[in-house]
N, C-alpha and C. Protein backbone atom coordinates (compact mmCIF):
# COMPACT_ATOMS: atom_id res chain seq x y z
N MET A 1 -3.11 -14.35 7.55
CA MET A 1 -2.60 -14.91 6.32
C MET A 1 -3.59 -14.29 4.48
N ILE A 2 -3.12 -13.92 4.08
CA ILE A 2 -2.40 -13.20 3.34
C ILE A 2 -3.04 -14.65 1.80
N ARG A 3 -4.51 -13.64 1.15
CA ARG A 3 -4.77 -14.27 0.38
C ARG A 3 -5.49 -13.55 -0.84
N ALA A 4 -5.71 -13.80 -2.05
CA ALA A 4 -5.97 -13.04 -3.06
C ALA A 4 -6.89 -12.23 -2.69
N TYR A 5 -7.09 -11.21 -3.55
CA TYR A 5 -8.36 -10.06 -3.55
C TYR A 5 -9.63 -11.10 -4.80
N VAL A 6 -10.94 -10.80 -3.77
CA VAL A 6 -12.66 -11.69 -4.56
C VAL A 6 -13.13 -10.13 -4.43
N GLU A 7 -14.28 -10.69 -5.31
CA GLU A 7 -14.95 -8.65 -5.54
C GLU A 7 -16.13 -9.10 -4.31
N SER A 8 -15.31 -9.83 -3.32
CA SER A 8 -16.63 -9.41 -2.58
C SER A 8 -15.69 -8.20 -0.66
N ASP A 9 -15.22 -8.55 -1.61
CA ASP A 9 -13.85 -7.76 -0.22
C ASP A 9 -14.59 -6.39 -0.20
N CYS A 10 -14.45 -6.44 -1.01
CA CYS A 10 -14.09 -4.87 -1.90
C CYS A 10 -15.17 -3.44 -0.56
N GLU A 11 -16.68 -3.53 -0.32
CA GLU A 11 -16.62 -3.01 0.69
C GLU A 11 -15.57 -2.56 2.20
N ALA A 12 -15.23 -3.67 3.03
CA ALA A 12 -13.83 -4.38 3.43
C ALA A 12 -12.82 -3.41 3.34
N LEU A 13 -12.20 -3.88 2.29
CA LEU A 13 -10.90 -3.01 1.65
C LEU A 13 -11.20 -1.26 2.13
N ALA A 14 -12.32 -0.51 1.87
CA ALA A 14 -12.64 0.69 1.56
C ALA A 14 -13.35 1.17 2.57
N GLY A 15 -13.50 0.52 3.67
CA GLY A 15 -13.47 0.82 5.48
C GLY A 15 -12.08 0.87 5.61
N ILE A 16 -11.31 -0.30 5.35
CA ILE A 16 -10.21 -0.39 6.06
C ILE A 16 -9.01 1.30 5.55
N TYR A 17 -9.42 1.72 4.06
CA TYR A 17 -8.80 2.64 3.38
C TYR A 17 -9.07 3.64 4.53
N SER A 18 -10.25 3.77 4.67
CA SER A 18 -10.98 4.73 5.19
C SER A 18 -10.70 5.25 6.50
N ARG A 19 -10.52 4.02 7.35
CA ARG A 19 -10.23 4.06 9.05
C ARG A 19 -8.66 4.19 9.79
N THR A 20 -7.57 4.32 8.24
CA THR A 20 -6.91 3.75 8.20
C THR A 20 -6.30 5.33 8.06
N VAL A 21 -6.95 5.91 7.41
CA VAL A 21 -6.14 7.67 7.22
C VAL A 21 -6.87 8.06 8.23
N ALA A 22 -7.71 8.26 8.75
CA ALA A 22 -8.91 8.70 9.88
C ALA A 22 -8.15 9.22 11.10
N ARG A 23 -7.77 7.48 11.57
CA ARG A 23 -7.02 6.95 12.74
C ARG A 23 -5.52 6.98 12.73
N ARG A 24 -4.81 6.55 12.08
CA ARG A 24 -3.54 6.51 11.88
C ARG A 24 -2.59 7.91 10.97
N ALA A 25 -3.54 8.44 10.17
CA ALA A 25 -2.08 9.35 10.11
C ALA A 25 -2.85 10.18 10.39
N VAL A 26 -3.14 10.45 11.98
CA VAL A 26 -3.66 11.93 12.91
C VAL A 26 -1.79 12.84 13.36
N ALA A 27 -1.42 11.28 13.36
CA ALA A 27 0.18 11.24 13.76
C ALA A 27 1.18 12.56 13.02
N ASP A 28 0.96 12.47 11.71
CA ASP A 28 1.44 13.15 10.71
C ASP A 28 0.97 13.49 9.79
N TYR A 29 -0.07 13.95 9.64
CA TYR A 29 -0.94 14.80 8.82
C TYR A 29 -1.87 16.05 10.02
N THR A 30 -2.47 16.35 9.67
CA THR A 30 -3.15 17.77 10.14
C THR A 30 -4.83 17.33 9.54
N GLY A 31 -5.20 17.85 10.65
CA GLY A 31 -6.91 18.08 10.12
C GLY A 31 -7.13 17.85 8.69
N PRO A 32 -7.55 19.40 8.82
CA PRO A 32 -7.55 19.02 6.75
C PRO A 32 -7.04 18.80 6.00
N GLN A 33 -5.64 17.89 6.26
CA GLN A 33 -4.60 17.20 5.80
C GLN A 33 -5.75 16.23 5.64
N ILE A 34 -5.36 14.80 5.90
CA ILE A 34 -7.04 14.20 6.55
C ILE A 34 -7.93 13.82 5.82
N GLU A 35 -8.71 15.52 5.43
CA GLU A 35 -10.02 15.40 5.69
C GLU A 35 -9.87 15.53 3.75
N ALA A 36 -8.62 15.94 3.52
CA ALA A 36 -8.81 16.06 1.99
C ALA A 36 -8.14 14.83 1.13
N TRP A 37 -7.45 13.98 2.76
CA TRP A 37 -6.73 12.96 1.70
C TRP A 37 -8.25 11.95 1.69
N LEU A 38 -9.04 12.21 2.90
CA LEU A 38 -10.46 11.43 3.14
C LEU A 38 -11.38 10.95 1.29
N SER A 39 -10.64 13.12 0.71
CA SER A 39 -12.20 13.47 0.13
C SER A 39 -11.15 12.41 -1.07
N ILE A 40 -10.91 11.60 -0.63
CA ILE A 40 -10.57 10.99 -2.66
C ILE A 40 -10.07 8.99 -2.93
N ALA A 41 -10.15 8.84 -1.26
CA ALA A 41 -11.05 8.34 -0.92
C ALA A 41 -11.80 6.90 -1.04
N PRO A 42 -11.08 5.97 -1.88
CA PRO A 42 -11.58 5.02 -2.80
C PRO A 42 -13.36 3.93 -1.97
N THR A 43 -14.13 4.69 -3.03
CA THR A 43 -15.11 3.77 -2.50
C THR A 43 -15.36 1.97 -3.30
N SER A 44 -15.97 1.04 -2.55
CA SER A 44 -15.91 0.21 -2.71
C SER A 44 -16.00 -0.71 -3.79
N GLN A 45 -17.30 0.34 -5.07
CA GLN A 45 -17.24 0.33 -6.73
C GLN A 45 -15.46 0.71 -7.79
N ARG A 46 -14.91 2.34 -6.43
CA ARG A 46 -14.26 2.15 -7.44
C ARG A 46 -12.55 0.44 -7.62
N ILE A 47 -13.01 0.36 -6.01
CA ILE A 47 -11.93 -0.15 -5.73
C ILE A 47 -12.28 -1.99 -6.75
N ALA A 48 -13.57 -1.65 -7.28
CA ALA A 48 -13.68 -3.00 -8.23
C ALA A 48 -13.26 -3.22 -9.06
N GLU A 49 -13.40 -1.91 -9.63
CA GLU A 49 -12.64 -1.85 -10.82
C GLU A 49 -10.96 -1.49 -11.12
N PHE A 50 -10.54 -1.11 -10.28
CA PHE A 50 -8.77 -0.94 -10.43
C PHE A 50 -8.43 -2.14 -10.23
N TYR A 51 -8.81 -2.97 -9.11
CA TYR A 51 -8.80 -4.50 -9.28
C TYR A 51 -9.07 -5.35 -10.66
N SER A 52 -9.59 -5.33 -11.37
CA SER A 52 -10.80 -5.57 -12.25
C SER A 52 -9.36 -5.86 -13.53
N ASP A 53 -8.40 -5.44 -12.92
CA ASP A 53 -7.23 -4.46 -14.67
C ASP A 53 -6.38 -6.10 -14.76
N GLY A 54 -6.37 -6.70 -13.64
CA GLY A 54 -4.58 -7.31 -14.11
C GLY A 54 -3.67 -7.36 -13.57
N ARG A 55 -4.15 -6.75 -11.99
CA ARG A 55 -2.73 -6.62 -11.26
C ARG A 55 -3.63 -7.84 -10.30
N LEU A 56 -1.68 -8.10 -9.57
CA LEU A 56 -1.55 -8.41 -7.65
C LEU A 56 -2.41 -7.74 -7.69
N ALA A 57 -3.42 -8.41 -7.10
CA ALA A 57 -4.37 -7.90 -5.60
C ALA A 57 -4.25 -8.65 -4.45
N LEU A 58 -3.47 -8.34 -2.91
CA LEU A 58 -3.52 -9.07 -2.32
C LEU A 58 -3.87 -9.02 -0.20
N VAL A 59 -4.87 -9.89 -0.30
CA VAL A 59 -5.76 -9.39 1.43
C VAL A 59 -5.29 -10.52 1.87
N ALA A 60 -4.44 -9.47 3.39
CA ALA A 60 -4.56 -10.02 4.71
C ALA A 60 -5.75 -10.18 5.68
N VAL A 61 -5.80 -11.11 5.80
CA VAL A 61 -7.17 -11.70 6.70
C VAL A 61 -6.84 -12.12 8.32
N ASP A 62 -8.01 -12.46 8.90
CA ASP A 62 -7.80 -11.89 10.51
C ASP A 62 -7.78 -14.29 10.40
N ASN A 63 -8.02 -14.47 12.14
CA ASN A 63 -8.40 -16.41 11.67
C ASN A 63 -10.05 -16.72 11.45
N ARG A 64 -10.32 -15.42 11.00
CA ARG A 64 -11.89 -15.64 11.59
C ARG A 64 -12.13 -15.60 9.48
N GLY A 65 -11.13 -15.06 8.95
CA GLY A 65 -11.52 -14.74 7.71
C GLY A 65 -12.04 -13.45 7.06
N ARG A 66 -11.22 -11.83 8.05
CA ARG A 66 -12.38 -11.16 7.70
C ARG A 66 -10.87 -10.41 7.24
N PRO A 67 -10.66 -9.64 6.77
CA PRO A 67 -9.90 -8.17 6.27
C PRO A 67 -9.68 -7.57 6.76
N ILE A 68 -8.00 -7.97 7.16
CA ILE A 68 -7.30 -6.41 8.14
C ILE A 68 -6.62 -6.18 7.32
N GLY A 69 -6.13 -5.83 6.32
CA GLY A 69 -5.23 -5.52 5.80
C GLY A 69 -6.03 -5.51 3.56
N PHE A 70 -4.82 -4.47 2.76
CA PHE A 70 -4.45 -5.19 1.51
C PHE A 70 -3.22 -4.49 0.86
N SER A 71 -2.77 -5.07 -0.09
CA SER A 71 -1.41 -4.32 -1.18
C SER A 71 -1.85 -4.65 -2.26
N ASP A 72 -1.25 -4.07 -3.46
CA ASP A 72 -1.35 -4.10 -3.86
C ASP A 72 -0.69 -4.00 -5.75
N MET A 73 0.10 -5.07 -6.51
CA MET A 73 1.22 -4.33 -7.44
C MET A 73 0.80 -4.80 -9.02
N GLU A 74 0.21 -3.59 -10.00
CA GLU A 74 0.56 -2.91 -11.43
C GLU A 74 1.58 -3.90 -11.58
N ALA A 75 1.16 -4.25 -12.92
CA ALA A 75 2.11 -5.42 -14.31
C ALA A 75 3.69 -4.55 -14.24
N ASP A 76 3.96 -3.25 -13.74
CA ASP A 76 4.86 -2.29 -13.88
C ASP A 76 6.00 -2.20 -12.91
N GLY A 77 5.60 -2.73 -11.74
CA GLY A 77 5.79 -2.84 -10.53
C GLY A 77 5.91 -2.20 -9.10
N HIS A 78 4.48 -1.11 -9.79
CA HIS A 78 3.70 -0.14 -8.75
C HIS A 78 3.32 -0.65 -8.04
N ILE A 79 3.01 -0.18 -6.88
CA ILE A 79 2.09 -0.74 -5.15
C ILE A 79 1.18 0.56 -5.12
N GLN A 80 0.06 0.16 -5.54
CA GLN A 80 -0.66 1.89 -5.46
C GLN A 80 -1.87 1.48 -3.94
N PHE A 81 -1.36 0.83 -2.91
CA PHE A 81 -2.19 0.50 -1.95
C PHE A 81 -1.06 -0.40 -1.44
N LEU A 82 -1.67 0.51 -0.22
CA LEU A 82 -1.06 -0.74 0.82
C LEU A 82 -1.45 -0.03 2.24
N TYR A 83 -2.93 -0.14 2.92
CA TYR A 83 -3.64 0.00 3.82
C TYR A 83 -3.86 -1.40 5.11
N VAL A 84 -2.94 -1.27 5.65
CA VAL A 84 -3.48 -2.19 7.29
C VAL A 84 -4.79 -1.65 8.63
N ASP A 85 -5.84 -2.42 8.17
CA ASP A 85 -6.72 -1.42 9.56
C ASP A 85 -6.36 -0.92 10.47
N PRO A 86 -5.98 -0.69 11.94
CA PRO A 86 -6.11 0.66 12.74
C PRO A 86 -6.11 -0.71 13.89
N ALA A 87 -6.98 -1.25 13.87
CA ALA A 87 -6.40 -2.68 15.28
C ALA A 87 -5.35 -3.53 14.93
N ALA A 88 -5.27 -3.78 13.84
CA ALA A 88 -4.10 -4.47 13.15
C ALA A 88 -2.75 -4.01 12.73
N THR A 89 -2.55 -3.34 13.13
CA THR A 89 -1.38 -2.54 12.93
C THR A 89 -0.51 -2.46 14.22
N GLY A 90 1.21 -2.52 14.20
CA GLY A 90 1.86 -3.04 14.67
C GLY A 90 2.17 -4.73 14.89
N ARG A 91 2.16 -5.32 13.84
CA ARG A 91 1.34 -6.96 14.09
C ARG A 91 2.69 -7.72 12.65
N GLY A 92 3.03 -6.42 12.04
CA GLY A 92 3.17 -7.24 10.67
C GLY A 92 2.73 -7.53 9.65
N VAL A 93 1.81 -7.21 9.69
CA VAL A 93 0.75 -7.40 8.66
C VAL A 93 1.33 -6.49 7.43
N GLY A 94 1.61 -5.16 6.85
CA GLY A 94 1.77 -4.42 6.38
C GLY A 94 3.72 -4.92 5.52
N ALA A 95 4.75 -5.20 6.46
CA ALA A 95 5.62 -6.08 6.50
C ALA A 95 5.26 -7.63 5.40
N ARG A 96 4.33 -8.15 6.23
CA ARG A 96 4.25 -9.47 5.48
C ARG A 96 2.93 -9.23 3.94
N LEU A 97 2.57 -8.04 3.94
CA LEU A 97 2.10 -7.76 2.06
C LEU A 97 2.78 -7.76 1.29
N LEU A 98 3.84 -6.68 2.06
CA LEU A 98 4.61 -6.66 0.91
C LEU A 98 5.91 -7.71 0.58
N ALA A 99 6.47 -9.02 1.65
CA ALA A 99 6.71 -9.13 1.21
C ALA A 99 6.09 -10.48 0.16
N GLU A 100 5.17 -10.11 -0.14
CA GLU A 100 4.34 -11.38 -1.06
C GLU A 100 4.53 -10.02 -2.14
N ILE A 101 4.41 -9.32 -1.99
CA ILE A 101 4.15 -8.29 -3.83
C ILE A 101 5.71 -8.66 -4.36
N GLU A 102 6.75 -8.47 -3.01
CA GLU A 102 8.00 -9.02 -3.70
C GLU A 102 8.26 -10.19 -4.68
N ALA A 103 8.09 -10.63 -3.42
CA ALA A 103 8.47 -12.57 -3.66
C ALA A 103 7.67 -12.35 -5.81
N ALA A 104 6.20 -11.81 -5.45
CA ALA A 104 5.40 -12.26 -7.26
C ALA A 104 6.13 -11.11 -8.15
N ALA A 105 6.83 -9.95 -7.85
CA ALA A 105 7.58 -9.25 -8.52
C ALA A 105 8.81 -9.86 -8.88
N ARG A 106 9.30 -10.44 -8.17
CA ARG A 106 10.79 -11.40 -8.73
C ARG A 106 10.42 -12.50 -9.24
N GLN A 107 9.15 -12.81 -8.83
CA GLN A 107 9.19 -13.80 -9.99
C GLN A 107 8.53 -13.90 -11.47
N SER A 108 8.47 -12.16 -11.51
CA SER A 108 8.19 -12.18 -12.62
C SER A 108 9.71 -11.32 -13.21
N GLU A 109 9.97 -10.92 -12.82
CA GLU A 109 11.26 -11.03 -12.93
C GLU A 109 10.86 -9.00 -13.41
N LEU A 110 10.27 -8.57 -12.44
CA LEU A 110 10.47 -7.21 -12.69
C LEU A 110 11.56 -6.62 -12.03
N ALA A 111 11.94 -5.74 -12.66
CA ALA A 111 13.70 -4.26 -12.39
C ALA A 111 13.73 -3.83 -11.03
N ARG A 112 12.10 -3.67 -10.78
CA ARG A 112 11.82 -2.94 -9.09
C ARG A 112 10.56 -2.87 -8.76
N LEU A 113 9.91 -2.57 -7.72
CA LEU A 113 8.95 -1.87 -7.68
C LEU A 113 8.90 -0.63 -6.78
N TYR A 114 7.99 0.47 -7.04
CA TYR A 114 7.83 1.79 -6.62
C TYR A 114 6.70 1.51 -6.02
N SER A 115 6.34 3.13 -5.17
CA SER A 115 5.29 3.39 -4.93
C SER A 115 5.09 5.37 -4.45
N GLU A 116 4.50 5.16 -3.50
CA GLU A 116 4.09 6.84 -3.11
C GLU A 116 3.85 6.63 -1.97
N SER A 117 3.89 6.89 -0.68
CA SER A 117 3.81 6.55 0.26
C SER A 117 3.57 7.41 1.15
N SER A 118 2.99 7.49 1.95
CA SER A 118 2.66 8.48 3.11
C SER A 118 3.48 8.91 3.55
N GLU A 119 3.38 9.29 4.87
CA GLU A 119 4.27 9.77 6.17
C GLU A 119 4.25 8.21 6.76
N THR A 120 3.27 7.79 7.38
CA THR A 120 2.54 7.00 7.86
C THR A 120 2.96 5.75 7.86
N ALA A 121 2.85 5.27 6.54
CA ALA A 121 3.66 3.91 5.94
C ALA A 121 4.70 4.61 5.61
N LEU A 122 6.06 5.14 5.50
CA LEU A 122 7.35 5.10 4.60
C LEU A 122 7.89 4.67 5.83
N SER A 123 8.13 4.25 7.00
CA SER A 123 9.07 3.15 7.41
C SER A 123 8.65 2.25 7.72
N VAL A 124 7.40 1.31 7.56
CA VAL A 124 6.59 0.26 6.85
C VAL A 124 7.86 0.25 5.23
N PHE A 125 7.72 0.49 4.04
CA PHE A 125 8.75 0.63 3.02
C PHE A 125 9.90 0.79 4.06
N LEU A 126 10.48 1.38 3.76
CA LEU A 126 11.94 1.60 4.32
C LEU A 126 12.29 -0.28 5.35
N LYS A 127 11.53 -0.90 6.29
CA LYS A 127 12.12 -1.29 6.88
C LYS A 127 12.18 -2.65 5.91
N ALA A 128 11.67 -2.59 4.13
CA ALA A 128 11.35 -3.31 3.83
C ALA A 128 12.11 -3.75 3.16
N GLY A 129 13.07 -2.28 2.63
CA GLY A 129 13.70 -1.96 1.82
C GLY A 129 14.14 -1.84 0.60
N PHE A 130 13.14 -0.39 1.12
CA PHE A 130 13.09 0.25 -1.07
C PHE A 130 13.47 1.82 0.12
N THR A 131 13.64 2.12 -0.27
CA THR A 131 14.74 3.59 -1.12
C THR A 131 13.78 5.31 -0.87
N SER A 132 13.62 5.58 0.18
CA SER A 132 12.74 6.62 -0.17
C SER A 132 13.87 8.09 -1.14
N LEU A 133 13.29 7.62 -2.74
CA LEU A 133 13.92 8.58 -3.37
C LEU A 133 13.90 10.21 -3.36
N GLN A 134 11.81 10.55 -3.29
CA GLN A 134 12.07 12.48 -2.37
C GLN A 134 11.06 12.24 -1.90
N ARG A 135 10.84 13.93 -0.86
CA ARG A 135 9.25 14.23 -0.47
C ARG A 135 8.86 14.30 -2.30
N ARG A 136 7.39 14.33 -2.13
CA ARG A 136 6.92 14.93 -2.71
C ARG A 136 5.12 16.34 -1.59
N ASN A 137 5.32 17.30 -2.84
CA ASN A 137 4.84 18.21 -1.74
C ASN A 137 3.39 18.36 -3.39
N LEU A 138 2.00 18.44 -2.43
CA LEU A 138 0.95 17.91 -3.43
C LEU A 138 0.02 18.72 -2.53
N VAL A 139 -0.79 19.50 -3.58
CA VAL A 139 -2.37 20.76 -3.15
C VAL A 139 -3.75 18.75 -3.31
N VAL A 140 -4.20 18.58 -2.79
CA VAL A 140 -5.40 17.89 -2.88
C VAL A 140 -6.08 18.15 -1.88
N ALA A 141 -6.90 18.43 -3.18
CA ALA A 141 -8.76 18.67 -3.02
C ALA A 141 -8.80 20.41 -1.53
N GLY A 142 -7.67 21.32 -2.69
CA GLY A 142 -7.21 22.38 -2.22
C GLY A 142 -6.81 22.36 -0.78
N THR A 143 -5.58 21.20 -0.50
CA THR A 143 -4.89 21.25 0.41
C THR A 143 -3.97 20.49 0.78
N GLY A 144 -2.37 21.61 1.42
CA GLY A 144 -1.03 21.33 0.78
C GLY A 144 -1.31 19.75 1.76
N ILE A 145 -0.39 18.86 1.10
CA ILE A 145 -0.05 17.43 1.91
C ILE A 145 1.07 17.62 1.55
N HIS A 146 1.96 16.29 2.32
CA HIS A 146 2.90 15.14 1.15
C HIS A 146 3.05 14.43 1.42
N ASN A 147 3.81 13.49 -0.12
CA ASN A 147 4.30 12.10 0.46
C ASN A 147 5.63 11.86 -0.05
N TYR A 148 6.14 10.45 -0.91
CA TYR A 148 7.76 10.36 -0.65
C TYR A 148 7.35 9.50 -1.91
N ALA A 149 8.45 9.80 -2.56
CA ALA A 149 8.21 8.50 -3.76
C ALA A 149 8.87 7.43 -3.07
N VAL A 150 8.30 6.40 -3.79
CA VAL A 150 9.87 5.53 -2.94
C VAL A 150 9.92 3.95 -3.25
N GLU A 151 10.76 3.78 -4.11
CA GLU A 151 11.64 2.00 -5.27
C GLU A 151 12.55 1.59 -4.17
N LYS A 152 11.93 0.10 -4.43
CA LYS A 152 12.65 -1.05 -3.92
C LYS A 152 13.31 -1.67 -5.40
N ARG A 153 14.81 -1.67 -6.03
CA ARG A 153 15.23 -2.56 -6.74
C ARG A 153 15.85 -3.81 -6.74
N LEU A 154 15.39 -4.49 -7.71
CA LEU A 154 15.27 -6.00 -7.52
C LEU A 154 16.12 -6.55 -8.36
N LEU A 155 16.29 -6.16 -9.58
CA LEU A 155 16.81 -6.99 -9.80
C LEU A 155 18.98 -6.44 -10.69
N ALA A 156 19.07 -6.01 -10.27
CA ALA A 156 20.47 -5.83 -9.12
C ALA A 156 20.53 -5.90 -7.77
N GLU A 157 19.52 -6.22 -7.28
CA GLU A 157 20.45 -7.26 -5.87
C GLU A 157 20.62 -8.10 -6.57
N ALA A 158 19.85 -9.05 -7.37
CA ALA A 158 20.02 -10.55 -7.83
C ALA A 158 21.03 -10.89 -8.71
N ARG A 159 21.51 -9.66 -9.53
CA ARG A 159 23.04 -10.14 -10.05
C ARG A 159 23.81 -10.23 -8.85
N SER A 160 23.89 -9.04 -7.99
CA SER A 160 25.35 -8.90 -7.42
C SER A 160 25.30 -9.77 -6.27
N ALA A 161 23.62 -9.99 -6.12
CA ALA A 161 24.06 -11.36 -4.84
C ALA A 161 24.23 -12.68 -6.16
N SER A 162 25.08 -12.87 -7.00
CA SER A 162 25.02 -14.01 -7.68
C SER A 162 26.56 -13.78 -8.08
N GLY A 163 27.29 -12.99 -8.23
CA GLY A 163 28.47 -12.42 -8.13
C GLY A 163 28.96 -11.75 -9.12
């Protein structure tokens, strides 16, 4: 189930972020890259700050109501987070979160969704119809790491479908 974020989710979401980077990114990034990435992991307080700015914030929960993934959308269509707990990967949680984000973006008549995707999450974005615009080489905590600028055009799709 996907539901709206509530402030009591903060600690669980920070844990999901860290576990996902530590356990899932090992196939795509080196140990030093993962350490650098974890050095910028948001604390529960930082997540609360992000999610108090009015953006759409969604949480995927299991059948017991426990958070297993989360995503968000800023007013301009930027997706800052898309993280799924390693124990819940492979079940379509990321795809469902993106589908909910896209539905909200279309309802708001946004022209596009865009994000910065890790190598690990890139296939989820691509399967959801996003396009990889470019690989971005970054330095985080003194370590070289990369991600991808991705986007999904929405208004052009709607116009071409309506003829």
